[in-house]
N, C-alpha and C. Protein backbone atom coordinates (compact mmCIF):
# COMPACT_ATOMS: atom_id res chain seq x y z
N MET A 1 37.43 -62.13 14.44
CA MET A 1 35.99 -62.01 14.41
C MET A 1 35.38 -63.39 14.14
N ASN A 2 34.54 -63.82 15.02
CA ASN A 2 33.96 -65.15 14.89
C ASN A 2 32.48 -65.03 14.54
N ILE A 3 32.12 -65.52 13.38
CA ILE A 3 30.74 -65.48 12.91
C ILE A 3 30.24 -66.93 12.84
N ASP A 4 29.07 -67.19 13.41
CA ASP A 4 28.50 -68.53 13.39
C ASP A 4 27.71 -68.71 12.10
N LYS A 5 28.37 -69.25 11.10
CA LYS A 5 27.76 -69.39 9.77
C LYS A 5 26.58 -70.36 9.78
N ASP A 6 26.63 -71.38 10.62
CA ASP A 6 25.50 -72.31 10.72
C ASP A 6 24.27 -71.61 11.30
N GLN A 7 24.49 -70.76 12.29
CA GLN A 7 23.39 -70.01 12.89
C GLN A 7 22.78 -69.04 11.87
N ILE A 8 23.64 -68.41 11.08
CA ILE A 8 23.15 -67.50 10.04
C ILE A 8 22.26 -68.27 9.06
N GLU A 9 22.73 -69.42 8.64
CA GLU A 9 21.97 -70.26 7.70
C GLU A 9 20.63 -70.66 8.29
N LYS A 10 20.64 -71.10 9.53
CA LYS A 10 19.41 -71.55 10.20
C LYS A 10 18.41 -70.40 10.34
N GLU A 11 18.87 -69.26 10.82
CA GLU A 11 17.98 -68.10 10.99
C GLU A 11 17.45 -67.63 9.65
N TYR A 12 18.31 -67.62 8.64
CA TYR A 12 17.89 -67.21 7.31
C TYR A 12 16.75 -68.11 6.80
N MET A 13 16.94 -69.41 6.92
CA MET A 13 15.92 -70.35 6.44
C MET A 13 14.61 -70.18 7.20
N ASN A 14 14.67 -69.93 8.50
CA ASN A 14 13.45 -69.67 9.28
C ASN A 14 12.75 -68.42 8.78
N LEU A 15 13.51 -67.37 8.49
CA LEU A 15 12.93 -66.12 8.01
C LEU A 15 12.35 -66.25 6.60
N VAL A 16 12.96 -67.09 5.78
CA VAL A 16 12.40 -67.37 4.45
C VAL A 16 11.10 -68.15 4.61
N SER A 17 11.11 -69.17 5.47
CA SER A 17 9.92 -70.01 5.62
C SER A 17 8.74 -69.26 6.23
N ASN A 18 9.00 -68.24 7.08
CA ASN A 18 7.86 -67.49 7.63
C ASN A 18 7.49 -66.28 6.77
N GLY A 19 8.16 -66.10 5.63
CA GLY A 19 7.79 -65.04 4.70
C GLY A 19 8.45 -63.69 4.96
N SER A 20 9.32 -63.61 5.96
CA SER A 20 10.00 -62.35 6.25
C SER A 20 10.99 -61.98 5.15
N ILE A 21 11.59 -63.01 4.55
CA ILE A 21 12.53 -62.82 3.44
C ILE A 21 11.93 -63.52 2.23
N LYS A 22 11.83 -62.78 1.14
CA LYS A 22 11.33 -63.36 -0.11
C LYS A 22 12.49 -63.47 -1.10
N GLU A 23 12.73 -64.69 -1.54
CA GLU A 23 13.77 -64.93 -2.54
C GLU A 23 13.16 -64.86 -3.93
N LYS A 24 13.97 -64.50 -4.88
CA LYS A 24 13.57 -64.46 -6.30
C LYS A 24 12.39 -63.54 -6.54
N ASP A 25 12.36 -62.41 -5.86
CA ASP A 25 11.31 -61.42 -6.09
C ASP A 25 11.60 -60.73 -7.42
N PRO A 26 10.68 -60.81 -8.39
CA PRO A 26 10.96 -60.28 -9.72
C PRO A 26 11.01 -58.75 -9.80
N ASN A 27 10.50 -58.06 -8.79
CA ASN A 27 10.39 -56.61 -8.87
C ASN A 27 11.38 -55.85 -8.01
N VAL A 28 11.97 -56.49 -7.03
CA VAL A 28 12.79 -55.76 -6.06
C VAL A 28 14.03 -55.13 -6.70
N SER A 29 14.58 -55.73 -7.73
CA SER A 29 15.79 -55.17 -8.33
C SER A 29 15.55 -53.81 -8.97
N ARG A 30 14.31 -53.49 -9.28
CA ARG A 30 13.98 -52.16 -9.82
C ARG A 30 14.19 -51.06 -8.78
N ARG A 31 14.28 -51.45 -7.53
CA ARG A 31 14.38 -50.47 -6.44
C ARG A 31 15.80 -50.28 -5.93
N ILE A 32 16.79 -50.87 -6.59
CA ILE A 32 18.18 -50.78 -6.12
C ILE A 32 18.61 -49.32 -6.03
N GLY A 33 18.39 -48.56 -7.09
CA GLY A 33 18.79 -47.15 -7.09
C GLY A 33 18.07 -46.36 -6.01
N LEU A 34 16.79 -46.63 -5.82
CA LEU A 34 16.01 -45.94 -4.78
C LEU A 34 16.58 -46.25 -3.39
N MET A 35 16.84 -47.53 -3.12
CA MET A 35 17.36 -47.92 -1.82
C MET A 35 18.75 -47.33 -1.57
N PHE A 36 19.59 -47.37 -2.61
CA PHE A 36 20.93 -46.83 -2.44
C PHE A 36 20.89 -45.31 -2.27
N GLY A 37 20.00 -44.65 -3.00
CA GLY A 37 19.82 -43.21 -2.84
C GLY A 37 19.35 -42.86 -1.43
N LYS A 38 18.48 -43.68 -0.88
CA LYS A 38 18.01 -43.46 0.49
C LYS A 38 19.18 -43.62 1.47
N ALA A 39 20.03 -44.59 1.22
CA ALA A 39 21.22 -44.78 2.07
C ALA A 39 22.12 -43.54 2.00
N GLN A 40 22.33 -43.02 0.80
CA GLN A 40 23.16 -41.82 0.65
C GLN A 40 22.55 -40.63 1.39
N ASN A 41 21.24 -40.47 1.30
CA ASN A 41 20.57 -39.37 2.00
C ASN A 41 20.67 -39.53 3.51
N ASN A 42 20.57 -40.76 3.99
CA ASN A 42 20.71 -41.00 5.43
C ASN A 42 22.11 -40.63 5.92
N LEU A 43 23.13 -40.89 5.10
CA LEU A 43 24.48 -40.50 5.50
C LEU A 43 24.60 -38.97 5.54
N LYS A 44 23.97 -38.29 4.60
CA LYS A 44 23.96 -36.82 4.63
C LYS A 44 23.27 -36.32 5.90
N HIS A 45 22.18 -36.96 6.27
CA HIS A 45 21.47 -36.59 7.50
C HIS A 45 22.37 -36.81 8.71
N ALA A 46 23.05 -37.94 8.74
CA ALA A 46 23.93 -38.26 9.87
C ALA A 46 25.04 -37.22 10.00
N THR A 47 25.68 -36.89 8.90
CA THR A 47 26.79 -35.93 8.97
C THR A 47 26.28 -34.52 9.27
N THR A 48 25.10 -34.19 8.79
CA THR A 48 24.53 -32.87 9.07
C THR A 48 24.17 -32.72 10.54
N THR A 49 23.52 -33.72 11.11
CA THR A 49 23.15 -33.61 12.54
C THR A 49 24.40 -33.61 13.42
N PHE A 50 25.43 -34.33 13.00
CA PHE A 50 26.69 -34.33 13.75
C PHE A 50 27.32 -32.94 13.68
N GLU A 51 27.34 -32.35 12.51
CA GLU A 51 27.92 -31.01 12.33
C GLU A 51 27.13 -29.96 13.11
N ILE A 52 25.82 -30.03 13.07
CA ILE A 52 25.00 -29.08 13.84
C ILE A 52 25.32 -29.22 15.33
N SER A 53 25.43 -30.44 15.81
CA SER A 53 25.70 -30.69 17.22
C SER A 53 27.05 -30.15 17.67
N ASN A 54 27.99 -30.02 16.75
CA ASN A 54 29.35 -29.60 17.08
C ASN A 54 29.66 -28.14 16.74
N ASN A 55 28.75 -27.43 16.11
CA ASN A 55 29.07 -26.12 15.57
C ASN A 55 28.21 -25.03 16.21
N LYS A 56 28.83 -24.20 17.04
CA LYS A 56 28.10 -23.14 17.75
C LYS A 56 27.49 -22.13 16.78
N SER A 57 28.18 -21.83 15.72
CA SER A 57 27.68 -20.85 14.75
C SER A 57 26.38 -21.34 14.09
N ILE A 58 26.37 -22.60 13.71
CA ILE A 58 25.15 -23.17 13.11
C ILE A 58 24.02 -23.17 14.14
N LYS A 59 24.35 -23.53 15.37
CA LYS A 59 23.33 -23.53 16.43
C LYS A 59 22.75 -22.13 16.61
N ASN A 60 23.60 -21.12 16.59
CA ASN A 60 23.09 -19.74 16.71
C ASN A 60 22.16 -19.40 15.56
N THR A 61 22.57 -19.74 14.36
CA THR A 61 21.75 -19.46 13.17
C THR A 61 20.39 -20.14 13.28
N LEU A 62 20.38 -21.35 13.80
CA LEU A 62 19.14 -22.13 13.92
C LEU A 62 18.38 -21.85 15.22
N LYS A 63 18.91 -20.93 16.02
CA LYS A 63 18.30 -20.56 17.30
C LYS A 63 18.21 -21.75 18.26
N LEU A 64 19.28 -22.53 18.27
CA LEU A 64 19.38 -23.65 19.19
C LEU A 64 20.24 -23.23 20.38
N ARG A 65 20.04 -23.92 21.48
CA ARG A 65 20.88 -23.68 22.64
C ARG A 65 22.23 -24.36 22.44
N GLU A 66 23.25 -23.86 23.09
CA GLU A 66 24.58 -24.44 22.95
C GLU A 66 24.61 -25.91 23.36
N GLN A 67 23.83 -26.27 24.38
CA GLN A 67 23.82 -27.66 24.85
C GLN A 67 22.95 -28.60 24.01
N ASP A 68 22.22 -28.07 23.04
CA ASP A 68 21.41 -28.93 22.17
C ASP A 68 22.32 -29.77 21.27
N THR A 69 22.07 -31.07 21.28
CA THR A 69 22.83 -31.98 20.40
C THR A 69 21.87 -33.00 19.79
N PHE A 70 22.33 -33.60 18.72
CA PHE A 70 21.51 -34.56 17.98
C PHE A 70 22.32 -35.82 17.65
N TYR A 71 23.23 -36.17 18.54
CA TYR A 71 24.07 -37.34 18.29
C TYR A 71 23.27 -38.62 18.22
N ASP A 72 22.17 -38.70 18.96
CA ASP A 72 21.33 -39.89 18.89
C ASP A 72 20.77 -40.06 17.48
N TRP A 73 20.41 -38.95 16.85
CA TRP A 73 19.89 -39.02 15.47
C TRP A 73 21.02 -39.29 14.48
N THR A 74 22.21 -38.85 14.79
CA THR A 74 23.37 -39.18 13.95
C THR A 74 23.56 -40.69 13.92
N ILE A 75 23.49 -41.31 15.09
CA ILE A 75 23.65 -42.76 15.19
C ILE A 75 22.53 -43.48 14.44
N GLN A 76 21.30 -43.01 14.62
CA GLN A 76 20.18 -43.65 13.93
C GLN A 76 20.30 -43.52 12.42
N ALA A 77 20.61 -42.32 11.94
CA ALA A 77 20.75 -42.12 10.50
C ALA A 77 21.91 -42.92 9.94
N SER A 78 22.98 -43.06 10.71
CA SER A 78 24.12 -43.87 10.27
C SER A 78 23.71 -45.34 10.12
N TYR A 79 22.98 -45.84 11.10
CA TYR A 79 22.50 -47.22 11.00
C TYR A 79 21.62 -47.39 9.76
N TYR A 80 20.70 -46.45 9.54
CA TYR A 80 19.81 -46.57 8.38
C TYR A 80 20.56 -46.41 7.06
N THR A 81 21.68 -45.72 7.06
CA THR A 81 22.54 -45.69 5.88
C THR A 81 22.95 -47.12 5.54
N MET A 82 23.42 -47.83 6.55
CA MET A 82 23.89 -49.20 6.36
C MET A 82 22.74 -50.13 5.99
N PHE A 83 21.63 -49.98 6.69
CA PHE A 83 20.45 -50.81 6.46
C PHE A 83 19.98 -50.71 5.00
N HIS A 84 19.82 -49.50 4.50
CA HIS A 84 19.32 -49.32 3.13
C HIS A 84 20.36 -49.73 2.09
N ALA A 85 21.65 -49.50 2.37
CA ALA A 85 22.69 -49.94 1.45
C ALA A 85 22.70 -51.46 1.33
N VAL A 86 22.60 -52.14 2.46
CA VAL A 86 22.58 -53.61 2.45
C VAL A 86 21.34 -54.11 1.71
N ASN A 87 20.20 -53.47 1.90
CA ASN A 87 19.00 -53.88 1.18
C ASN A 87 19.14 -53.67 -0.32
N ALA A 88 19.84 -52.62 -0.73
CA ALA A 88 20.11 -52.43 -2.16
C ALA A 88 20.97 -53.57 -2.69
N LEU A 89 21.97 -53.96 -1.91
CA LEU A 89 22.83 -55.06 -2.31
C LEU A 89 22.05 -56.38 -2.37
N LEU A 90 21.18 -56.61 -1.40
CA LEU A 90 20.35 -57.83 -1.41
C LEU A 90 19.43 -57.86 -2.63
N ALA A 91 18.96 -56.70 -3.04
CA ALA A 91 18.07 -56.62 -4.21
C ALA A 91 18.77 -57.07 -5.48
N THR A 92 20.10 -56.98 -5.52
CA THR A 92 20.82 -57.47 -6.70
C THR A 92 20.68 -58.98 -6.84
N LYS A 93 20.34 -59.64 -5.75
CA LYS A 93 20.11 -61.08 -5.75
C LYS A 93 18.62 -61.41 -5.77
N LYS A 94 17.80 -60.38 -6.01
CA LYS A 94 16.34 -60.51 -6.03
C LYS A 94 15.77 -60.93 -4.68
N ILE A 95 16.43 -60.47 -3.61
CA ILE A 95 15.98 -60.76 -2.25
C ILE A 95 15.26 -59.54 -1.72
N LYS A 96 14.02 -59.75 -1.29
CA LYS A 96 13.20 -58.68 -0.74
C LYS A 96 12.93 -58.97 0.73
N ILE A 97 13.13 -57.97 1.55
CA ILE A 97 12.85 -58.09 2.98
C ILE A 97 11.44 -57.58 3.20
N SER A 98 10.58 -58.44 3.75
CA SER A 98 9.16 -58.11 3.89
C SER A 98 8.72 -57.79 5.31
N SER A 99 9.30 -58.47 6.29
CA SER A 99 8.94 -58.21 7.69
C SER A 99 10.13 -58.58 8.57
N ASN A 100 10.00 -58.28 9.87
CA ASN A 100 11.15 -58.45 10.77
C ASN A 100 12.38 -57.86 10.09
N VAL A 101 12.23 -56.63 9.58
CA VAL A 101 13.16 -56.08 8.61
C VAL A 101 14.61 -55.99 9.08
N HIS A 102 14.85 -55.65 10.31
CA HIS A 102 16.24 -55.50 10.76
C HIS A 102 16.91 -56.85 10.89
N MET A 103 16.25 -57.78 11.54
CA MET A 103 16.80 -59.12 11.69
C MET A 103 16.91 -59.80 10.31
N SER A 104 15.90 -59.65 9.50
CA SER A 104 15.90 -60.28 8.18
C SER A 104 17.04 -59.73 7.32
N THR A 105 17.26 -58.44 7.36
CA THR A 105 18.34 -57.83 6.59
C THR A 105 19.69 -58.38 7.05
N TYR A 106 19.89 -58.44 8.34
CA TYR A 106 21.15 -58.94 8.88
C TYR A 106 21.42 -60.38 8.42
N TYR A 107 20.44 -61.26 8.60
CA TYR A 107 20.66 -62.66 8.24
C TYR A 107 20.72 -62.88 6.73
N ALA A 108 19.96 -62.12 5.97
CA ALA A 108 20.05 -62.24 4.51
C ALA A 108 21.42 -61.78 4.01
N PHE A 109 21.94 -60.70 4.58
CA PHE A 109 23.28 -60.23 4.24
C PHE A 109 24.31 -61.29 4.60
N GLY A 110 24.19 -61.85 5.80
CA GLY A 110 25.11 -62.89 6.24
C GLY A 110 25.09 -64.11 5.34
N LYS A 111 23.90 -64.57 5.03
CA LYS A 111 23.75 -65.79 4.22
C LYS A 111 24.26 -65.59 2.80
N ASN A 112 23.91 -64.46 2.19
CA ASN A 112 24.17 -64.28 0.77
C ASN A 112 25.50 -63.60 0.44
N PHE A 113 26.13 -62.97 1.42
CA PHE A 113 27.38 -62.27 1.12
C PHE A 113 28.54 -62.64 2.04
N ILE A 114 28.26 -63.16 3.23
CA ILE A 114 29.34 -63.54 4.14
C ILE A 114 29.58 -65.05 4.06
N ASN A 115 28.53 -65.84 4.26
CA ASN A 115 28.69 -67.30 4.19
C ASN A 115 29.22 -67.75 2.83
N THR A 116 28.83 -67.07 1.77
CA THR A 116 29.25 -67.43 0.42
C THR A 116 30.63 -66.86 0.05
N HIS A 117 31.16 -65.98 0.89
CA HIS A 117 32.44 -65.28 0.65
C HIS A 117 32.35 -64.29 -0.50
N GLU A 118 31.15 -63.99 -0.96
CA GLU A 118 31.00 -63.07 -2.09
C GLU A 118 31.50 -61.67 -1.75
N LEU A 119 31.18 -61.19 -0.55
CA LEU A 119 31.67 -59.86 -0.18
C LEU A 119 33.20 -59.87 -0.08
N ALA A 120 33.76 -60.90 0.52
CA ALA A 120 35.22 -61.00 0.62
C ALA A 120 35.86 -61.04 -0.76
N ASP A 121 35.26 -61.78 -1.69
CA ASP A 121 35.79 -61.85 -3.06
C ASP A 121 35.76 -60.48 -3.73
N ASP A 122 34.64 -59.76 -3.57
CA ASP A 122 34.53 -58.42 -4.15
C ASP A 122 35.56 -57.48 -3.53
N LEU A 123 35.72 -57.55 -2.21
CA LEU A 123 36.69 -56.71 -1.53
C LEU A 123 38.11 -56.99 -2.02
N PHE A 124 38.41 -58.26 -2.24
CA PHE A 124 39.75 -58.62 -2.71
C PHE A 124 39.99 -58.08 -4.12
N VAL A 125 39.03 -58.27 -5.00
CA VAL A 125 39.17 -57.80 -6.39
C VAL A 125 39.28 -56.28 -6.45
N MET A 126 38.43 -55.58 -5.67
CA MET A 126 38.39 -54.12 -5.76
C MET A 126 39.48 -53.43 -4.96
N TYR A 127 39.81 -53.97 -3.79
CA TYR A 127 40.72 -53.26 -2.88
C TYR A 127 41.90 -54.08 -2.39
N GLY A 128 41.95 -55.36 -2.73
CA GLY A 128 43.00 -56.22 -2.19
C GLY A 128 42.77 -56.56 -0.72
N GLU A 129 41.55 -56.38 -0.24
CA GLU A 129 41.21 -56.67 1.16
C GLU A 129 40.93 -58.16 1.32
N THR A 130 40.87 -58.59 2.56
CA THR A 130 40.69 -60.02 2.85
C THR A 130 39.31 -60.30 3.41
N GLU A 131 39.06 -61.57 3.70
CA GLU A 131 37.80 -61.98 4.31
C GLU A 131 37.59 -61.31 5.65
N GLU A 132 38.69 -61.03 6.35
CA GLU A 132 38.60 -60.34 7.65
C GLU A 132 37.85 -59.02 7.51
N LYS A 133 38.09 -58.29 6.43
CA LYS A 133 37.42 -57.01 6.21
C LYS A 133 35.93 -57.23 5.97
N ALA A 134 35.57 -58.27 5.25
CA ALA A 134 34.16 -58.58 5.01
C ALA A 134 33.46 -58.88 6.34
N LEU A 135 34.11 -59.64 7.19
CA LEU A 135 33.53 -59.96 8.50
C LEU A 135 33.41 -58.72 9.36
N GLU A 136 34.38 -57.84 9.26
CA GLU A 136 34.34 -56.58 10.01
C GLU A 136 33.14 -55.73 9.58
N LEU A 137 32.92 -55.63 8.27
CA LEU A 137 31.78 -54.86 7.77
C LEU A 137 30.46 -55.49 8.21
N PHE A 138 30.38 -56.80 8.15
CA PHE A 138 29.18 -57.51 8.58
C PHE A 138 28.91 -57.27 10.06
N SER A 139 29.96 -57.37 10.87
CA SER A 139 29.81 -57.14 12.31
C SER A 139 29.42 -55.70 12.61
N SER A 140 29.90 -54.76 11.81
CA SER A 140 29.57 -53.35 12.07
C SER A 140 28.08 -53.09 11.89
N LEU A 141 27.43 -53.82 10.98
CA LEU A 141 25.99 -53.67 10.81
C LEU A 141 25.27 -54.06 12.10
N SER A 142 25.65 -55.17 12.68
CA SER A 142 25.05 -55.64 13.93
C SER A 142 25.33 -54.66 15.08
N GLU A 143 26.55 -54.20 15.16
CA GLU A 143 26.92 -53.27 16.24
C GLU A 143 26.16 -51.95 16.12
N GLU A 144 26.01 -51.46 14.91
CA GLU A 144 25.28 -50.19 14.72
C GLU A 144 23.80 -50.36 15.05
N LYS A 145 23.24 -51.53 14.77
CA LYS A 145 21.84 -51.78 15.14
C LYS A 145 21.68 -51.71 16.66
N LYS A 146 22.59 -52.35 17.38
CA LYS A 146 22.53 -52.31 18.85
C LYS A 146 22.73 -50.89 19.37
N LYS A 147 23.70 -50.21 18.81
CA LYS A 147 24.00 -48.85 19.23
C LYS A 147 22.82 -47.91 18.97
N ARG A 148 22.13 -48.13 17.84
CA ARG A 148 20.96 -47.31 17.50
C ARG A 148 19.91 -47.42 18.60
N GLY A 149 19.63 -48.64 19.04
CA GLY A 149 18.64 -48.83 20.10
C GLY A 149 19.09 -48.20 21.41
N TYR A 150 20.34 -48.35 21.73
CA TYR A 150 20.87 -47.80 22.97
C TYR A 150 20.83 -46.27 22.94
N ALA A 151 21.25 -45.68 21.83
CA ALA A 151 21.26 -44.21 21.72
C ALA A 151 19.84 -43.66 21.73
N ALA A 152 18.92 -44.37 21.12
CA ALA A 152 17.54 -43.88 21.03
C ALA A 152 16.79 -43.98 22.35
N TYR A 153 17.06 -45.02 23.11
CA TYR A 153 16.21 -45.29 24.27
C TYR A 153 16.91 -45.23 25.63
N GLU A 154 18.23 -45.26 25.64
CA GLU A 154 18.93 -45.40 26.91
C GLU A 154 19.80 -44.22 27.32
N ARG A 155 20.24 -43.40 26.38
CA ARG A 155 21.20 -42.35 26.70
C ARG A 155 20.68 -40.98 26.30
N LEU A 156 21.18 -39.98 26.96
CA LEU A 156 20.88 -38.61 26.57
C LEU A 156 21.68 -38.29 25.31
N PRO A 157 21.12 -37.51 24.39
CA PRO A 157 21.81 -37.23 23.13
C PRO A 157 23.24 -36.70 23.32
N LYS A 158 23.47 -35.86 24.31
CA LYS A 158 24.79 -35.26 24.52
C LYS A 158 25.85 -36.32 24.83
N MET A 159 25.45 -37.45 25.36
CA MET A 159 26.39 -38.51 25.76
C MET A 159 26.88 -39.33 24.56
N ASN A 160 26.36 -39.08 23.40
CA ASN A 160 26.62 -39.95 22.25
C ASN A 160 27.66 -39.44 21.27
N ILE A 161 28.43 -38.41 21.60
CA ILE A 161 29.34 -37.82 20.62
C ILE A 161 30.35 -38.83 20.08
N GLU A 162 31.02 -39.57 20.94
CA GLU A 162 32.03 -40.52 20.47
C GLU A 162 31.40 -41.65 19.64
N PRO A 163 30.34 -42.31 20.14
CA PRO A 163 29.74 -43.34 19.30
C PRO A 163 29.15 -42.79 18.00
N ALA A 164 28.71 -41.54 18.00
CA ALA A 164 28.15 -40.94 16.78
C ALA A 164 29.23 -40.81 15.71
N GLY A 165 30.40 -40.35 16.09
CA GLY A 165 31.50 -40.24 15.13
C GLY A 165 31.89 -41.60 14.56
N GLU A 166 31.92 -42.60 15.41
CA GLU A 166 32.22 -43.97 14.99
C GLU A 166 31.13 -44.49 14.04
N SER A 167 29.89 -44.17 14.33
CA SER A 167 28.78 -44.62 13.49
C SER A 167 28.89 -44.05 12.09
N ILE A 168 29.22 -42.77 11.99
CA ILE A 168 29.39 -42.16 10.66
C ILE A 168 30.51 -42.85 9.90
N LYS A 169 31.61 -43.12 10.58
CA LYS A 169 32.74 -43.80 9.94
C LYS A 169 32.31 -45.18 9.41
N ASN A 170 31.61 -45.95 10.24
CA ASN A 170 31.16 -47.28 9.82
C ASN A 170 30.18 -47.20 8.65
N ALA A 171 29.24 -46.26 8.73
CA ALA A 171 28.25 -46.11 7.66
C ALA A 171 28.91 -45.69 6.36
N ARG A 172 29.82 -44.73 6.45
CA ARG A 172 30.51 -44.25 5.25
C ARG A 172 31.29 -45.38 4.57
N GLU A 173 31.95 -46.20 5.39
CA GLU A 173 32.75 -47.29 4.84
C GLU A 173 31.88 -48.34 4.15
N LEU A 174 30.81 -48.79 4.82
CA LEU A 174 29.94 -49.80 4.21
C LEU A 174 29.25 -49.25 2.97
N LEU A 175 28.79 -48.01 3.03
CA LEU A 175 28.13 -47.38 1.87
C LEU A 175 29.09 -47.31 0.69
N SER A 176 30.33 -46.96 0.95
CA SER A 176 31.33 -46.86 -0.11
C SER A 176 31.58 -48.23 -0.76
N VAL A 177 31.75 -49.25 0.06
CA VAL A 177 31.99 -50.60 -0.47
C VAL A 177 30.81 -51.07 -1.30
N ILE A 178 29.60 -50.92 -0.75
CA ILE A 178 28.41 -51.37 -1.49
C ILE A 178 28.23 -50.54 -2.75
N GLY A 179 28.47 -49.25 -2.67
CA GLY A 179 28.38 -48.41 -3.87
C GLY A 179 29.35 -48.87 -4.96
N ASP A 180 30.56 -49.22 -4.56
CA ASP A 180 31.55 -49.72 -5.54
C ASP A 180 31.09 -51.04 -6.15
N ILE A 181 30.53 -51.92 -5.34
CA ILE A 181 30.04 -53.21 -5.85
C ILE A 181 28.89 -52.99 -6.83
N LEU A 182 27.94 -52.12 -6.43
CA LEU A 182 26.79 -51.85 -7.31
C LEU A 182 27.24 -51.21 -8.62
N ALA A 183 28.19 -50.29 -8.56
CA ALA A 183 28.69 -49.62 -9.77
C ALA A 183 29.47 -50.61 -10.65
N LYS A 184 30.31 -51.42 -10.02
CA LYS A 184 31.11 -52.41 -10.78
C LYS A 184 30.20 -53.35 -11.56
N ASN A 185 29.07 -53.70 -10.96
CA ASN A 185 28.13 -54.63 -11.60
C ASN A 185 27.02 -53.91 -12.37
N LYS A 186 27.18 -52.59 -12.52
CA LYS A 186 26.27 -51.75 -13.32
C LYS A 186 24.82 -51.75 -12.81
N PHE A 187 24.67 -51.79 -11.49
CA PHE A 187 23.33 -51.66 -10.90
C PHE A 187 22.99 -50.21 -10.64
N ILE A 188 24.01 -49.38 -10.51
CA ILE A 188 23.78 -47.93 -10.35
C ILE A 188 24.72 -47.19 -11.30
């Protein structure tokens, strides 16, 4: 996995200078629990819509047609699981995302946890994982953002079953890692 750390740094600094990312926000850390809770709820939404899409009995109970699926919403909720979890992690550094939220979140995460090797260090201490795993998690955030747009605007919901399952897996993994980091550091 090849990440352009110089590009991350440059984009981050541009987003800070235009006010999209606010450093040293004195109030954002109060919202860590709220943001992480929102991430957890989004994962519940993702898994629920996936289960409804796959379960004929639930569809009958809800008076849905057999062909009704919500995989596009599974993908979107999975992405937002990751988005809110990363924002909770950024808040531990007093970083608040104010505008251009998706791009700002991505570059702030890259600058503060990938370029610094902080995520890799936490992964090693907690799980014995390497920097490769940190880069994989970082890349999954970008991939899920792209997939969210594609599922929402380009494909029929029924066509998204395989990417939806992958999205839940990626969201669950990143949420778990961030949850462990937040708990280890007593933020939640």
